[in-house]
Amino acid sequence: MTTSNSLKKAIKKYQEKNPLMRTYWNRKGGARQFIMADLSKDTKLAQAINSNRLQYINDLKELRNDIDQRLKDL
């Protein structure tokens, strides 16, 4: 699906007016990209994860514990 020029312009304008939200979305997207990586694709991330599968599993468990702790703290 293509995005119209007017929608692109509106998104850019919103992001410029809301830099904190842009930062929030970028960081959230980065975390989600790491967690939900498609390991069947031939990307650098998938290659790195597939060559270090046990480390990736341990990192995901650590992230889950960090998230649980953060939820308790909030």
PDB file of N, CA and C in Angstrom:
ATOM      1  N   MET A   1       0.846  -1.181   0.000  1.00  0.00           N
ATOM      2  CA  MET A   1       0.000   0.000   0.000  1.00  0.00           C
ATOM      3  C   MET A   1       0.887   1.238   0.000  1.00  0.00           C
ATOM      4  N   THR A   2       0.607   2.150  -0.888  1.00  0.00           N
ATOM      5  CA  THR A   2       1.391   3.369  -0.960  1.00  0.00           C
ATOM      6  C   THR A   2       0.781   4.444  -0.060  1.00  0.00           C
ATOM      7  N   THR A   3       1.642   5.318   0.393  1.00  0.00           N
ATOM      8  CA  THR A   3       1.209   6.407   1.247  1.00  0.00           C
ATOM      9  C   THR A   3       1.170   7.684   0.415  1.00  0.00           C
ATOM     10  N   SER A   4       0.052   8.391   0.505  1.00  0.00           N
ATOM     11  CA  SER A   4      -0.090   9.610  -0.282  1.00  0.00           C
ATOM     12  C   SER A   4       0.887  10.676   0.217  1.00  0.00           C
ATOM     13  N   ASN A   5       1.202  11.603  -0.661  1.00  0.00           N
ATOM     14  CA  ASN A   5       2.120  12.689  -0.298  1.00  0.00           C
ATOM     15  C   ASN A   5       1.552  13.538   0.825  1.00  0.00           C
ATOM     16  N   SER A   6       0.243  13.755   0.813  1.00  0.00           N
ATOM     17  CA  SER A   6      -0.365  14.576   1.867  1.00  0.00           C
ATOM     18  C   SER A   6      -0.267  13.872   3.226  1.00  0.00           C
ATOM     19  N   LEU A   7      -0.416  12.553   3.232  1.00  0.00           N
ATOM     20  CA  LEU A   7      -0.289  11.820   4.485  1.00  0.00           C
ATOM     21  C   LEU A   7       1.156  11.843   4.974  1.00  0.00           C
ATOM     22  N   LYS A   8       2.100  11.671   4.067  1.00  0.00           N
ATOM     23  CA  LYS A   8       3.516  11.748   4.438  1.00  0.00           C
ATOM     24  C   LYS A   8       3.841  13.110   5.038  1.00  0.00           C
ATOM     25  N   LYS A   9       3.295  14.161   4.434  1.00  0.00           N
ATOM     26  CA  LYS A   9       3.528  15.518   4.919  1.00  0.00           C
ATOM     27  C   LYS A   9       2.922  15.704   6.313  1.00  0.00           C
ATOM     28  N   ALA A  10       1.735  15.176   6.523  1.00  0.00           N
ATOM     29  CA  ALA A  10       1.070  15.290   7.822  1.00  0.00           C
ATOM     30  C   ALA A  10       1.845  14.523   8.892  1.00  0.00           C
ATOM     31  N   ILE A  11       2.334  13.346   8.545  1.00  0.00           N
ATOM     32  CA  ILE A  11       3.119  12.556   9.497  1.00  0.00           C
ATOM     33  C   ILE A  11       4.398  13.300   9.873  1.00  0.00           C
ATOM     34  N   LYS A  12       5.085  13.841   8.878  1.00  0.00           N
ATOM     35  CA  LYS A  12       6.321  14.578   9.128  1.00  0.00           C
ATOM     36  C   LYS A  12       6.051  15.786  10.023  1.00  0.00           C
ATOM     37  N   LYS A  13       4.972  16.504   9.744  1.00  0.00           N
ATOM     38  CA  LYS A  13       4.620  17.685  10.542  1.00  0.00           C
ATOM     39  C   LYS A  13       4.328  17.284  11.987  1.00  0.00           C
ATOM     40  N   TYR A  14       3.586  16.186  12.170  1.00  0.00           N
ATOM     41  CA  TYR A  14       3.272  15.716  13.517  1.00  0.00           C
ATOM     42  C   TYR A  14       4.552  15.332  14.257  1.00  0.00           C
ATOM     43  N   GLN A  15       5.448  14.621  13.571  1.00  0.00           N
ATOM     44  CA  GLN A  15       6.688  14.194  14.206  1.00  0.00           C
ATOM     45  C   GLN A  15       7.558  15.381  14.595  1.00  0.00           C
ATOM     46  N   GLU A  16       7.576  16.395  13.766  1.00  0.00           N
ATOM     47  CA  GLU A  16       8.357  17.589  14.087  1.00  0.00           C
ATOM     48  C   GLU A  16       7.787  18.321  15.297  1.00  0.00           C
ATOM     49  N   LYS A  17       6.475  18.299  15.450  1.00  0.00           N
ATOM     50  CA  LYS A  17       5.829  18.970  16.580  1.00  0.00           C
ATOM     51  C   LYS A  17       5.888  18.126  17.857  1.00  0.00           C
ATOM     52  N   ASN A  18       6.151  16.827  17.715  1.00  0.00           N
ATOM     53  CA  ASN A  18       6.125  15.914  18.860  1.00  0.00           C
ATOM     54  C   ASN A  18       7.402  15.063  18.910  1.00  0.00           C
ATOM     55  N   PRO A  19       8.543  15.699  19.140  1.00  0.00           N
ATOM     56  CA  PRO A  19       9.803  14.944  19.113  1.00  0.00           C
ATOM     57  C   PRO A  19       9.904  13.884  20.212  1.00  0.00           C
ATOM     58  N   LEU A  20       9.283  14.108  21.354  1.00  0.00           N
ATOM     59  CA  LEU A  20       9.336  13.109  22.417  1.00  0.00           C
ATOM     60  C   LEU A  20       8.579  11.843  22.027  1.00  0.00           C
ATOM     61  N   MET A  21       7.450  12.004  21.367  1.00  0.00           N
ATOM     62  CA  MET A  21       6.697  10.833  20.913  1.00  0.00           C
ATOM     63  C   MET A  21       7.467  10.098  19.821  1.00  0.00           C
ATOM     64  N   ARG A  22       8.134  10.832  18.960  1.00  0.00           N
ATOM     65  CA  ARG A  22       8.936  10.205  17.905  1.00  0.00           C
ATOM     66  C   ARG A  22      10.045   9.364  18.533  1.00  0.00           C
ATOM     67  N   THR A  23      10.697   9.917  19.560  1.00  0.00           N
ATOM     68  CA  THR A  23      11.738   9.172  20.267  1.00  0.00           C
ATOM     69  C   THR A  23      11.152   7.930  20.915  1.00  0.00           C
ATOM     70  N   TYR A  24      10.005   8.079  21.545  1.00  0.00           N
ATOM     71  CA  TYR A  24       9.329   6.952  22.203  1.00  0.00           C
ATOM     72  C   TYR A  24       9.026   5.859  21.187  1.00  0.00           C
ATOM     73  N   TRP A  25       8.426   6.210  20.049  1.00  0.00           N
ATOM     74  CA  TRP A  25       8.069   5.222  19.025  1.00  0.00           C
ATOM     75  C   TRP A  25       9.300   4.552  18.435  1.00  0.00           C
ATOM     76  N   ASN A  26      10.373   5.316  18.225  1.00  0.00           N
ATOM     77  CA  ASN A  26      11.601   4.741  17.675  1.00  0.00           C
ATOM     78  C   ASN A  26      12.186   3.695  18.625  1.00  0.00           C
ATOM     79  N   ARG A  27      12.238   4.006  19.905  1.00  0.00           N
ATOM     80  CA  ARG A  27      12.795   3.073  20.883  1.00  0.00           C
ATOM     81  C   ARG A  27      11.905   1.838  21.024  1.00  0.00           C
ATOM     82  N   LYS A  28      10.612   2.055  21.057  1.00  0.00           N
ATOM     83  CA  LYS A  28       9.671   0.936  21.138  1.00  0.00           C
ATOM     84  C   LYS A  28       9.810   0.039  19.914  1.00  0.00           C
ATOM     85  N   GLY A  29       9.932   0.641  18.756  1.00  0.00           N
ATOM     86  CA  GLY A  29      10.090  -0.116  17.519  1.00  0.00           C
ATOM     87  C   GLY A  29      11.379  -0.921  17.496  1.00  0.00           C
ATOM     88  N   GLY A  30      12.446  -0.339  18.015  1.00  0.00           N
ATOM     89  CA  GLY A  30      13.724  -1.047  18.069  1.00  0.00           C
ATOM     90  C   GLY A  30      13.652  -2.272  18.965  1.00  0.00           C
ATOM     91  N   ALA A  31      13.011  -2.117  20.115  1.00  0.00           N
ATOM     92  CA  ALA A  31      12.862  -3.256  21.030  1.00  0.00           C
ATOM     93  C   ALA A  31      12.003  -4.341  20.392  1.00  0.00           C
ATOM     94  N   ARG A  32      10.921  -3.929  19.784  1.00  0.00           N
ATOM     95  CA  ARG A  32      10.018  -4.896  19.151  1.00  0.00           C
ATOM     96  C   ARG A  32      10.705  -5.588  17.971  1.00  0.00           C
ATOM     97  N   GLN A  33      11.511  -4.855  17.234  1.00  0.00           N
ATOM     98  CA  GLN A  33      12.229  -5.429  16.090  1.00  0.00           C
ATOM     99  C   GLN A  33      13.190  -6.524  16.554  1.00  0.00           C
ATOM    100  N   PHE A  34      13.857  -6.308  17.682  1.00  0.00           N
ATOM    101  CA  PHE A  34      14.760  -7.308  18.232  1.00  0.00           C
ATOM    102  C   PHE A  34      13.988  -8.542  18.699  1.00  0.00           C
ATOM    103  N   ILE A  35      12.884  -8.316  19.380  1.00  0.00           N
ATOM    104  CA  ILE A  35      12.108  -9.421  19.941  1.00  0.00           C
ATOM    105  C   ILE A  35      11.405 -10.219  18.853  1.00  0.00           C
ATOM    106  N   MET A  36      10.830  -9.547  17.870  1.00  0.00           N
ATOM    107  CA  MET A  36      10.004 -10.208  16.863  1.00  0.00           C
ATOM    108  C   MET A  36      10.741 -10.461  15.548  1.00  0.00           C
ATOM    109  N   ALA A  37      12.055 -10.522  15.586  1.00  0.00           N
ATOM    110  CA  ALA A  37      12.856 -10.697  14.372  1.00  0.00           C
ATOM    111  C   ALA A  37      12.426 -11.962  13.621  1.00  0.00           C
ATOM    112  N   ASP A  38      12.275 -11.845  12.313  1.00  0.00           N
ATOM    113  CA  ASP A  38      11.937 -12.985  11.459  1.00  0.00           C
ATOM    114  C   ASP A  38      13.231 -13.726  11.146  1.00  0.00           C
ATOM    115  N   LEU A  39      13.418 -14.853  11.791  1.00  0.00           N
ATOM    116  CA  LEU A  39      14.672 -15.584  11.678  1.00  0.00           C
ATOM    117  C   LEU A  39      14.788 -16.378  10.390  1.00  0.00           C
ATOM    118  N   SER A  40      13.729 -16.405   9.604  1.00  0.00           N
ATOM    119  CA  SER A  40      13.786 -17.117   8.323  1.00  0.00           C
ATOM    120  C   SER A  40      14.297 -16.215   7.193  1.00  0.00           C
ATOM    121  N   LYS A  41      14.354 -14.916   7.446  1.00  0.00           N
ATOM    122  CA  LYS A  41      14.833 -13.981   6.423  1.00  0.00           C
ATOM    123  C   LYS A  41      16.353 -13.890   6.466  1.00  0.00           C
ATOM    124  N   ASP A  42      16.928 -13.464   5.360  1.00  0.00           N
ATOM    125  CA  ASP A  42      18.381 -13.338   5.257  1.00  0.00           C
ATOM    126  C   ASP A  42      18.791 -11.896   5.550  1.00  0.00           C
ATOM    127  N   THR A  43      18.628 -11.498   6.817  1.00  0.00           N
ATOM    128  CA  THR A  43      19.028 -10.162   7.245  1.00  0.00           C
ATOM    129  C   THR A  43      20.207 -10.289   8.209  1.00  0.00           C
ATOM    130  N   LYS A  44      20.893  -9.190   8.431  1.00  0.00           N
ATOM    131  CA  LYS A  44      22.021  -9.216   9.365  1.00  0.00           C
ATOM    132  C   LYS A  44      21.557  -9.601  10.765  1.00  0.00           C
ATOM    133  N   LEU A  45      20.408  -9.075  11.177  1.00  0.00           N
ATOM    134  CA  LEU A  45      19.891  -9.406  12.504  1.00  0.00           C
ATOM    135  C   LEU A  45      19.576 -10.894  12.600  1.00  0.00           C
ATOM    136  N   ALA A  46      18.892 -11.439  11.615  1.00  0.00           N
ATOM    137  CA  ALA A  46      18.557 -12.867  11.636  1.00  0.00           C
ATOM    138  C   ALA A  46      19.819 -13.715  11.638  1.00  0.00           C
ATOM    139  N   GLN A  47      20.810 -13.334  10.856  1.00  0.00           N
ATOM    140  CA  GLN A  47      22.071 -14.075  10.823  1.00  0.00           C
ATOM    141  C   GLN A  47      22.760 -14.033  12.187  1.00  0.00           C
ATOM    142  N   ALA A  48      22.765 -12.862  12.802  1.00  0.00           N
ATOM    143  CA  ALA A  48      23.403 -12.711  14.113  1.00  0.00           C
ATOM    144  C   ALA A  48      22.681 -13.559  15.165  1.00  0.00           C
ATOM    145  N   ILE A  49      21.364 -13.540  15.130  1.00  0.00           N
ATOM    146  CA  ILE A  49      20.590 -14.313  16.104  1.00  0.00           C
ATOM    147  C   ILE A  49      20.776 -15.808  15.866  1.00  0.00           C
ATOM    148  N   ASN A  50      20.691 -16.222  14.606  1.00  0.00           N
ATOM    149  CA  ASN A  50      20.809 -17.646  14.297  1.00  0.00           C
ATOM    150  C   ASN A  50      22.188 -18.200  14.642  1.00  0.00           C
ATOM    151  N   SER A  51      23.216 -17.378  14.557  1.00  0.00           N
ATOM    152  CA  SER A  51      24.551 -17.858  14.899  1.00  0.00           C
ATOM    153  C   SER A  51      24.820 -17.795  16.400  1.00  0.00           C
ATOM    154  N   ASN A  52      23.927 -17.149  17.145  1.00  0.00           N
ATOM    155  CA  ASN A  52      24.053 -17.035  18.610  1.00  0.00           C
ATOM    156  C   ASN A  52      22.713 -17.355  19.271  1.00  0.00           C
ATOM    157  N   ARG A  53      22.099 -18.439  18.872  1.00  0.00           N
ATOM    158  CA  ARG A  53      20.725 -18.757  19.300  1.00  0.00           C
ATOM    159  C   ARG A  53      20.589 -18.832  20.818  1.00  0.00           C
ATOM    160  N   LEU A  54      21.498 -19.495  21.506  1.00  0.00           N
ATOM    161  CA  LEU A  54      21.395 -19.616  22.965  1.00  0.00           C
ATOM    162  C   LEU A  54      21.511 -18.256  23.647  1.00  0.00           C
ATOM    163  N   GLN A  55      22.397 -17.412  23.153  1.00  0.00           N
ATOM    164  CA  GLN A  55      22.530 -16.064  23.715  1.00  0.00           C
ATOM    165  C   GLN A  55      21.244 -15.272  23.510  1.00  0.00           C
ATOM    166  N   TYR A  56      20.645 -15.410  22.327  1.00  0.00           N
ATOM    167  CA  TYR A  56      19.392 -14.707  22.023  1.00  0.00           C
ATOM    168  C   TYR A  56      18.288 -15.158  22.986  1.00  0.00           C
ATOM    169  N   ILE A  57      18.187 -16.450  23.213  1.00  0.00           N
ATOM    170  CA  ILE A  57      17.174 -16.970  24.138  1.00  0.00           C
ATOM    171  C   ILE A  57      17.404 -16.411  25.537  1.00  0.00           C
ATOM    172  N   ASN A  58      18.654 -16.406  25.975  1.00  0.00           N
ATOM    173  CA  ASN A  58      18.969 -15.855  27.300  1.00  0.00           C
ATOM    174  C   ASN A  58      18.661 -14.360  27.369  1.00  0.00           C
ATOM    175  N   ASP A  59      18.948 -13.635  26.311  1.00  0.00           N
ATOM    176  CA  ASP A  59      18.648 -12.202  26.278  1.00  0.00           C
ATOM    177  C   ASP A  59      17.147 -11.953  26.339  1.00  0.00           C
ATOM    178  N   LEU A  60      16.367 -12.761  25.633  1.00  0.00           N
ATOM    179  CA  LEU A  60      14.909 -12.609  25.687  1.00  0.00           C
ATOM    180  C   LEU A  60      14.387 -12.876  27.094  1.00  0.00           C
ATOM    181  N   LYS A  61      14.931 -13.886  27.756  1.00  0.00           N
ATOM    182  CA  LYS A  61      14.521 -14.170  29.140  1.00  0.00           C
ATOM    183  C   LYS A  61      14.890 -13.016  30.060  1.00  0.00           C
ATOM    184  N   GLU A  62      16.070 -12.457  29.852  1.00  0.00           N
ATOM    185  CA  GLU A  62      16.504 -11.314  30.663  1.00  0.00           C
ATOM    186  C   GLU A  62      15.592 -10.111  30.425  1.00  0.00           C
ATOM    187  N   LEU A  63      15.251  -9.873  29.184  1.00  0.00           N
ATOM    188  CA  LEU A  63      14.330  -8.776  28.876  1.00  0.00           C
ATOM    189  C   LEU A  63      12.970  -8.990  29.533  1.00  0.00           C
ATOM    190  N   ARG A  64      12.488 -10.236  29.503  1.00  0.00           N
ATOM    191  CA  ARG A  64      11.201 -10.531  30.142  1.00  0.00           C
ATOM    192  C   ARG A  64      11.277 -10.229  31.633  1.00  0.00           C
ATOM    193  N   ASN A  65      12.373 -10.625  32.285  1.00  0.00           N
ATOM    194  CA  ASN A  65      12.530 -10.331  33.706  1.00  0.00           C
ATOM    195  C   ASN A  65      12.612  -8.827  33.953  1.00  0.00           C
ATOM    196  N   ASP A  66      13.331  -8.117  33.091  1.00  0.00           N
ATOM    197  CA  ASP A  66      13.432  -6.659  33.226  1.00  0.00           C
ATOM    198  C   ASP A  66      12.070  -5.993  33.077  1.00  0.00           C
ATOM    199  N   ILE A  67      11.282  -6.478  32.136  1.00  0.00           N
ATOM    200  CA  ILE A  67       9.931  -5.920  31.917  1.00  0.00           C
ATOM    201  C   ILE A  67       9.050  -6.200  33.134  1.00  0.00           C
ATOM    202  N   ASP A  68       9.094  -7.424  33.641  1.00  0.00           N
ATOM    203  CA  ASP A  68       8.304  -7.763  34.833  1.00  0.00           C
ATOM    204  C   ASP A  68       8.690  -6.882  36.010  1.00  0.00           C
ATOM    205  N   GLN A  69       9.986  -6.680  36.198  1.00  0.00           N
ATOM    206  CA  GLN A  69      10.443  -5.841  37.307  1.00  0.00           C
ATOM    207  C   GLN A  69       9.989  -4.393  37.108  1.00  0.00           C
ATOM    208  N   ARG A  70      10.080  -3.910  35.878  1.00  0.00           N
ATOM    209  CA  ARG A  70       9.668  -2.529  35.602  1.00  0.00           C
ATOM    210  C   ARG A  70       8.181  -2.330  35.874  1.00  0.00           C
ATOM    211  N   LEU A  71       7.368  -3.320  35.499  1.00  0.00           N
ATOM    212  CA  LEU A  71       5.936  -3.235  35.755  1.00  0.00           C
ATOM    213  C   LEU A  71       5.649  -3.198  37.259  1.00  0.00           C
ATOM    214  N   LYS A  72       6.408  -3.966  38.038  1.00  0.00           N
ATOM    215  CA  LYS A  72       6.239  -3.936  39.486  1.00  0.00           C
ATOM    216  C   LYS A  72       6.623  -2.567  40.047  1.00  0.00           C
ATOM    217  N   ASP A  73       7.709  -1.996  39.499  1.00  0.00           N
ATOM    218  CA  ASP A  73       8.189  -0.699  39.995  1.00  0.00           C
ATOM    219  C   ASP A  73       7.210   0.430  39.680  1.00  0.00           C
ATOM    220  N   LEU A  74       6.506   0.301  38.569  1.00  0.00           N
ATOM    221  CA  LEU A  74       5.575   1.361  38.189  1.00  0.00           C
ATOM    222  C   LEU A  74       4.290   1.246  38.970  1.00  0.00           C
TER     223      LEU A  74
END
